[in-house]
Amino acid sequence: MDDNPSLDAGLVEKLAALRETLEGYESLAVAFSGGVDSALLLAVAHDALRDRVVAVTGRSPSIPPREVEAARAFCQERGIDHAVVDTHEFDIEGFKHNPPDRCYRCKRELFACVAREADRRGINAVAEGSNIDDEGDYRPGFRAVAEMRVESPLRDAGLRKADVRAIARHLGLPQWDKPAFACLNSRFAYGNSITPELLAMVDGAAEALRSLGFRRVRVRVSGKSARIEVPPDDIGQLVLGDTREKVVRELEALGFAFVSVDLRGYRTGSMNATLPQADPRPDEGNRHVL
């Protein structure tokens, strides 16, 4: 298998458009989570701007420490200037009660922290790594993108998730096939309180499943109940006797009273199914350089 397959003409054009956009910035701070989207954005931005780009990663109980360390290692390996900033979403009024606009409140706090770091360094633009496919779900975080005047170069270049992964693989980025990761807050049913202790339980549950060989996994929480999502093809393996017993034992040890499996399988944004239809997309005309 080719580790760095070539790109078709359409992806070459999109990559060129992305690079051209990024070359137009005087300097740029990239909100870098360590996932494939922000990794591609950062890698191309660094290639285009060199020492005029900085990666900024948020650190909080909502993000497992291993994700922050992976982001740090990626930047260190490539000689990219990297800052880790502490975000304080639990200090935001109402946040811990997990309202439907929780992601907006969290993203606004993150982008405010990134913008402060950018200002401190004399950097005049902030960018984030959402792609076109992100527009198809309930994404209140886009409201924060618009209000904070954060740039979205991947969306501007017309890149979809499959495009991002293909280009990241072509460029040799290790995240090209990394499973999607949303902050741990997204694992809780809206209206259920979130605490750092509960976040640690959720992360521990997911790690227990990964240790058993499940690479793509979500553990959703409602009260003391844990609902496991794995790809449909993995459900049979999950409910086999020994594995099932290990999973139940591990999750009960973490404090969960009930453990179930979602027969629809792994999917991002499944908690949004309980919400009324909404169009969170911002007015594109409101996005410009800080």
Protein backbone atom coordinates (compact mmCIF):
# COMPACT_ATOMS: atom_id res chain seq x y z
CA MET A 1 0.00 0.00 0.00
CA ASP A 2 1.30 3.45 -0.96
CA ASP A 3 1.95 5.42 2.22
CA ASN A 4 1.81 8.73 0.36
CA PRO A 5 -0.61 8.24 -2.55
CA SER A 6 -0.84 10.94 -5.19
CA LEU A 7 -3.79 13.33 -5.31
CA ASP A 8 -6.32 13.58 -8.10
CA ALA A 9 -6.69 16.85 -9.98
CA GLY A 10 -9.58 18.05 -7.82
CA LEU A 11 -7.64 17.62 -4.59
CA VAL A 12 -4.53 19.22 -6.08
CA GLU A 13 -6.68 22.25 -6.89
CA LYS A 14 -8.20 22.38 -3.41
CA LEU A 15 -4.77 22.06 -1.76
CA ALA A 16 -3.46 24.88 -3.95
CA ALA A 17 -6.46 27.03 -2.98
CA LEU A 18 -5.83 26.33 0.70
CA ARG A 19 -2.17 27.24 0.42
CA GLU A 20 -2.96 30.41 -1.52
CA THR A 21 -5.41 31.48 1.18
CA LEU A 22 -2.90 30.83 3.94
CA GLU A 23 -0.10 32.67 2.12
CA GLY A 24 -2.34 35.73 2.22
CA TYR A 25 -2.08 36.05 6.01
CA GLU A 26 0.60 38.20 7.54
CA SER A 27 0.65 35.82 10.52
CA LEU A 28 -1.68 33.18 11.90
CA ALA A 29 -2.57 31.41 15.14
CA VAL A 30 -4.13 27.99 14.53
CA ALA A 31 -6.46 26.51 17.15
CA PHE A 32 -4.81 23.09 17.15
CA SER A 33 -6.60 20.15 18.75
CA GLY A 34 -4.31 17.49 17.29
CA GLY A 35 -7.02 15.98 15.09
CA VAL A 36 -6.67 15.48 11.35
CA ASP A 37 -8.47 18.69 10.34
CA SER A 38 -6.45 21.10 12.44
CA ALA A 39 -3.28 19.08 11.75
CA LEU A 40 -3.69 19.54 8.00
CA LEU A 41 -4.47 23.24 8.44
CA LEU A 42 -1.43 23.71 10.68
CA ALA A 43 0.94 21.74 8.44
CA VAL A 44 0.01 23.70 5.31
CA ALA A 45 0.04 26.99 7.22
CA HIS A 46 3.50 26.25 8.59
CA ASP A 47 4.75 25.37 5.13
CA ALA A 48 3.35 28.64 3.80
CA LEU A 49 4.18 31.00 6.66
CA ARG A 50 7.05 29.28 8.54
CA ASP A 51 7.80 31.22 11.73
CA ARG A 52 4.76 33.47 11.24
CA VAL A 53 2.42 30.70 12.43
CA VAL A 54 1.82 29.39 15.94
CA ALA A 55 -0.27 26.42 17.06
CA VAL A 56 -2.39 27.01 20.16
CA THR A 57 -3.88 24.06 22.03
CA GLY A 58 -6.49 24.39 24.75
CA ARG A 59 -6.05 22.43 27.98
CA SER A 60 -8.94 21.68 30.33
CA PRO A 61 -10.72 18.76 32.03
CA SER A 62 -12.75 18.40 28.80
CA ILE A 63 -9.65 17.28 26.86
CA PRO A 64 -7.70 14.15 27.84
CA PRO A 65 -4.06 14.97 28.64
CA ARG A 66 -2.89 12.47 26.01
CA GLU A 67 -4.51 14.63 23.30
CA VAL A 68 -2.59 17.70 24.49
CA GLU A 69 0.66 15.72 24.62
CA ALA A 70 0.07 14.33 21.12
CA ALA A 71 -0.44 17.87 19.83
CA ARG A 72 2.75 18.97 21.56
CA ALA A 73 4.73 16.07 20.06
CA PHE A 74 3.43 16.78 16.54
CA CYS A 75 4.59 20.39 16.75
CA GLN A 76 7.93 19.55 18.32
CA GLU A 77 8.72 17.01 15.64
CA ARG A 78 8.03 19.56 12.89
CA GLY A 79 9.60 22.58 14.54
CA ILE A 80 6.27 24.41 14.84
CA ASP A 81 5.92 27.04 17.54
CA HIS A 82 3.34 25.69 19.99
CA ALA A 83 1.54 27.18 22.97
CA VAL A 84 -0.74 25.35 25.42
CA VAL A 85 -3.31 27.60 27.08
CA ASP A 86 -5.64 26.77 29.93
CA THR A 87 -9.32 27.29 29.17
CA HIS A 88 -11.88 27.77 31.91
CA GLU A 89 -15.23 26.67 30.56
CA PHE A 90 -16.36 25.47 34.00
CA ASP A 91 -16.23 29.08 35.16
CA ILE A 92 -18.81 30.04 32.51
CA GLU A 93 -22.27 30.54 33.99
CA GLY A 94 -24.56 27.65 33.09
CA PHE A 95 -21.91 25.58 31.34
CA LYS A 96 -21.85 22.69 33.78
CA HIS A 97 -25.61 22.17 33.31
CA ASN A 98 -24.90 21.19 29.69
CA PRO A 99 -27.37 23.37 27.81
CA PRO A 100 -27.94 22.80 24.06
CA ASP A 101 -25.59 25.69 23.29
CA ARG A 102 -22.80 24.27 25.47
CA CYS A 103 -20.49 23.95 22.46
CA TYR A 104 -20.95 27.65 21.68
CA ARG A 105 -19.94 28.62 25.20
CA CYS A 106 -16.96 26.28 25.16
CA LYS A 107 -15.74 27.35 21.70
CA ARG A 108 -16.08 31.01 22.57
CA GLU A 109 -13.88 30.47 25.62
CA LEU A 110 -11.33 28.54 23.55
CA PHE A 111 -11.17 31.14 20.78
CA ALA A 112 -10.90 33.94 23.35
CA CYS A 113 -7.88 32.18 24.86
CA VAL A 114 -6.34 31.59 21.43
CA ALA A 115 -6.93 35.24 20.49
CA ARG A 116 -5.25 36.44 23.69
CA GLU A 117 -2.21 34.31 22.92
CA ALA A 118 -2.21 35.66 19.36
CA ASP A 119 -2.40 39.24 20.62
CA ARG A 120 0.44 38.58 23.05
CA ARG A 121 2.61 37.44 20.15
CA GLY A 122 1.56 40.20 17.74
CA ILE A 123 -0.27 37.74 15.46
CA ASN A 124 -3.18 39.27 13.57
CA ALA A 125 -5.39 36.30 12.58
CA VAL A 126 -6.87 33.18 14.20
CA ALA A 127 -8.02 30.08 12.30
CA GLU A 128 -9.81 26.84 13.14
CA GLY A 129 -10.06 23.54 11.30
CA SER A 130 -13.70 22.78 10.50
CA ASN A 131 -14.47 21.35 7.07
CA ILE A 132 -17.49 21.47 4.75
CA ASP A 133 -19.02 18.28 6.15
CA ASP A 134 -19.19 19.86 9.61
CA GLU A 135 -21.90 22.18 8.30
CA GLY A 136 -24.39 19.32 8.04
CA ASP A 137 -24.91 18.80 11.79
CA TYR A 138 -26.03 20.89 14.74
CA ARG A 139 -22.90 22.94 15.41
CA PRO A 140 -23.51 25.84 17.80
CA GLY A 141 -19.74 26.31 17.88
CA PHE A 142 -20.02 27.93 14.44
CA ARG A 143 -21.75 30.85 16.14
CA ALA A 144 -18.60 31.39 18.18
CA VAL A 145 -16.51 31.20 14.98
CA ALA A 146 -18.60 34.01 13.48
CA GLU A 147 -18.73 36.19 16.60
CA MET A 148 -15.01 35.88 17.31
CA ARG A 149 -14.11 36.49 13.63
CA VAL A 150 -12.16 33.26 13.39
CA GLU A 151 -11.09 32.06 9.96
CA SER A 152 -12.04 28.62 8.57
CA PRO A 153 -9.60 28.04 5.69
CA LEU A 154 -10.51 24.39 5.10
CA ARG A 155 -14.14 25.28 4.55
CA ASP A 156 -13.16 28.26 2.41
CA ALA A 157 -11.15 25.89 0.19
CA GLY A 158 -14.14 23.56 -0.16
CA LEU A 159 -12.51 20.64 1.67
CA ARG A 160 -14.68 17.78 2.91
CA LYS A 161 -13.61 15.26 5.53
CA ALA A 162 -12.58 12.68 2.94
CA ASP A 163 -10.54 15.36 1.17
CA VAL A 164 -8.81 16.29 4.42
CA ARG A 165 -7.87 12.68 5.12
CA ALA A 166 -6.63 12.09 1.57
CA ILE A 167 -4.45 15.20 1.56
CA ALA A 168 -3.17 14.50 5.08
CA ARG A 169 -2.16 11.01 3.98
CA HIS A 170 -0.48 12.41 0.86
CA LEU A 171 1.51 14.80 3.08
CA GLY A 172 2.48 12.00 5.46
CA LEU A 173 0.62 13.35 8.49
CA PRO A 174 0.19 10.62 11.12
CA GLN A 175 -3.35 11.81 11.92
CA TRP A 176 -4.65 11.01 8.43
CA ASP A 177 -6.64 8.01 9.71
CA LYS A 178 -7.06 9.11 13.33
CA PRO A 179 -10.67 8.58 14.46
CA ALA A 180 -12.66 11.77 14.97
CA PHE A 181 -12.43 13.12 18.50
CA ALA A 182 -14.78 15.65 20.04
CA CYS A 183 -14.28 17.04 23.53
CA LEU A 184 -15.54 14.84 26.37
CA ASN A 185 -18.43 17.22 27.06
CA SER A 186 -20.13 15.94 23.91
CA ARG A 187 -20.62 12.53 25.54
CA PHE A 188 -23.31 13.82 27.92
CA ALA A 189 -27.04 14.10 27.25
CA TYR A 190 -28.12 17.75 27.15
CA GLY A 191 -29.34 18.86 30.56
CA ASN A 192 -27.19 16.35 32.42
CA SER A 193 -24.66 18.05 34.66
CA ILE A 194 -20.98 17.84 33.72
CA THR A 195 -18.17 17.75 36.27
CA PRO A 196 -14.43 17.08 35.94
CA GLU A 197 -15.00 13.81 37.82
CA LEU A 198 -17.64 12.65 35.33
CA LEU A 199 -15.40 13.63 32.43
CA ALA A 200 -12.66 11.43 33.88
CA MET A 201 -15.15 8.54 34.12
CA VAL A 202 -16.10 8.90 30.47
CA ASP A 203 -12.50 9.07 29.34
CA GLY A 204 -11.62 6.05 31.47
CA ALA A 205 -14.47 4.08 29.92
CA ALA A 206 -13.33 4.89 26.38
CA GLU A 207 -9.75 3.99 27.25
CA ALA A 208 -10.90 0.66 28.67
CA LEU A 209 -12.63 -0.13 25.37
CA ARG A 210 -9.62 0.95 23.32
CA SER A 211 -7.42 -1.32 25.41
CA LEU A 212 -9.65 -4.19 24.26
CA GLY A 213 -9.00 -3.35 20.61
CA PHE A 214 -11.91 -1.04 19.77
CA ARG A 215 -10.35 1.82 17.84
CA ARG A 216 -13.45 3.84 17.00
CA VAL A 217 -15.56 4.20 20.11
CA ARG A 218 -17.82 6.63 21.94
CA VAL A 219 -19.20 6.25 25.45
CA ARG A 220 -22.33 8.38 25.87
CA VAL A 221 -23.66 9.23 29.33
CA SER A 222 -27.10 9.90 30.75
CA GLY A 223 -27.20 9.89 34.52
CA LYS A 224 -25.38 6.77 35.70
CA SER A 225 -25.94 4.96 32.38
CA ALA A 226 -23.18 4.44 29.82
CA ARG A 227 -24.18 3.79 26.20
CA ILE A 228 -21.38 2.38 24.06
CA GLU A 229 -21.06 3.14 20.37
CA VAL A 230 -18.70 1.11 18.17
CA PRO A 231 -18.92 0.55 14.39
CA PRO A 232 -21.73 -1.93 13.53
CA ASP A 233 -19.21 -4.55 12.41
CA ASP A 234 -17.61 -4.46 15.89
CA ILE A 235 -20.81 -4.94 17.90
CA GLY A 236 -20.60 -8.73 17.70
CA GLN A 237 -17.08 -8.69 19.12
CA LEU A 238 -18.17 -6.29 21.88
CA VAL A 239 -20.97 -8.50 23.16
CA LEU A 240 -19.03 -11.76 23.12
CA GLY A 241 -18.91 -13.39 26.56
CA ASP A 242 -15.42 -12.59 27.81
CA THR A 243 -15.26 -9.14 26.22
CA ARG A 244 -18.74 -8.20 27.39
CA GLU A 245 -17.91 -9.22 30.94
CA LYS A 246 -14.65 -7.25 30.91
CA VAL A 247 -16.38 -4.13 29.59
CA VAL A 248 -19.14 -4.31 32.19
CA ARG A 249 -16.62 -4.92 34.98
CA GLU A 250 -14.38 -2.01 33.89
CA LEU A 251 -17.23 0.48 33.51
CA GLU A 252 -18.91 -0.51 36.75
CA ALA A 253 -15.57 -0.02 38.51
CA LEU A 254 -15.51 3.52 37.13
CA GLY A 255 -18.91 4.23 38.71
CA PHE A 256 -21.46 3.44 36.00
CA ALA A 257 -24.58 1.59 37.22
CA PHE A 258 -25.83 0.57 33.77
CA VAL A 259 -23.94 -0.36 30.60
CA SER A 260 -25.62 -0.73 27.20
CA VAL A 261 -24.70 -0.91 23.50
CA ASP A 262 -26.21 1.38 20.85
CA LEU A 263 -27.29 -0.97 18.05
CA ARG A 264 -27.10 1.85 15.50
CA GLY A 265 -23.37 1.88 16.04
CA TYR A 266 -20.70 4.56 16.20
CA ARG A 267 -21.65 7.98 14.88
CA THR A 268 -20.60 11.52 15.71
CA GLY A 269 -23.14 13.95 17.13
CA SER A 270 -25.66 11.31 18.21
CA MET A 271 -26.70 13.37 21.24
CA ASN A 272 -28.05 15.97 18.80
CA ALA A 273 -30.87 13.58 17.86
CA THR A 274 -32.75 14.81 20.94
CA LEU A 275 -32.74 18.42 19.76
CA PRO A 276 -35.20 20.18 17.40
CA GLN A 277 -33.89 20.94 13.93
CA ALA A 278 -31.64 23.98 13.86
CA ASP A 279 -29.36 25.68 11.37
CA PRO A 280 -26.25 26.75 13.30
CA ARG A 281 -24.29 27.91 10.28
CA PRO A 282 -23.03 31.47 10.60
CA ASP A 283 -23.46 34.27 8.15
CA GLU A 284 -20.37 33.71 6.01
CA GLY A 285 -20.03 37.43 5.46
CA ASN A 286 -19.28 37.94 9.13
CA ARG A 287 -16.00 36.01 9.08
CA HIS A 288 -12.83 37.99 8.56
CA VAL A 289 -9.38 38.45 9.97
CA LEU A 290 -9.05 39.55 13.59
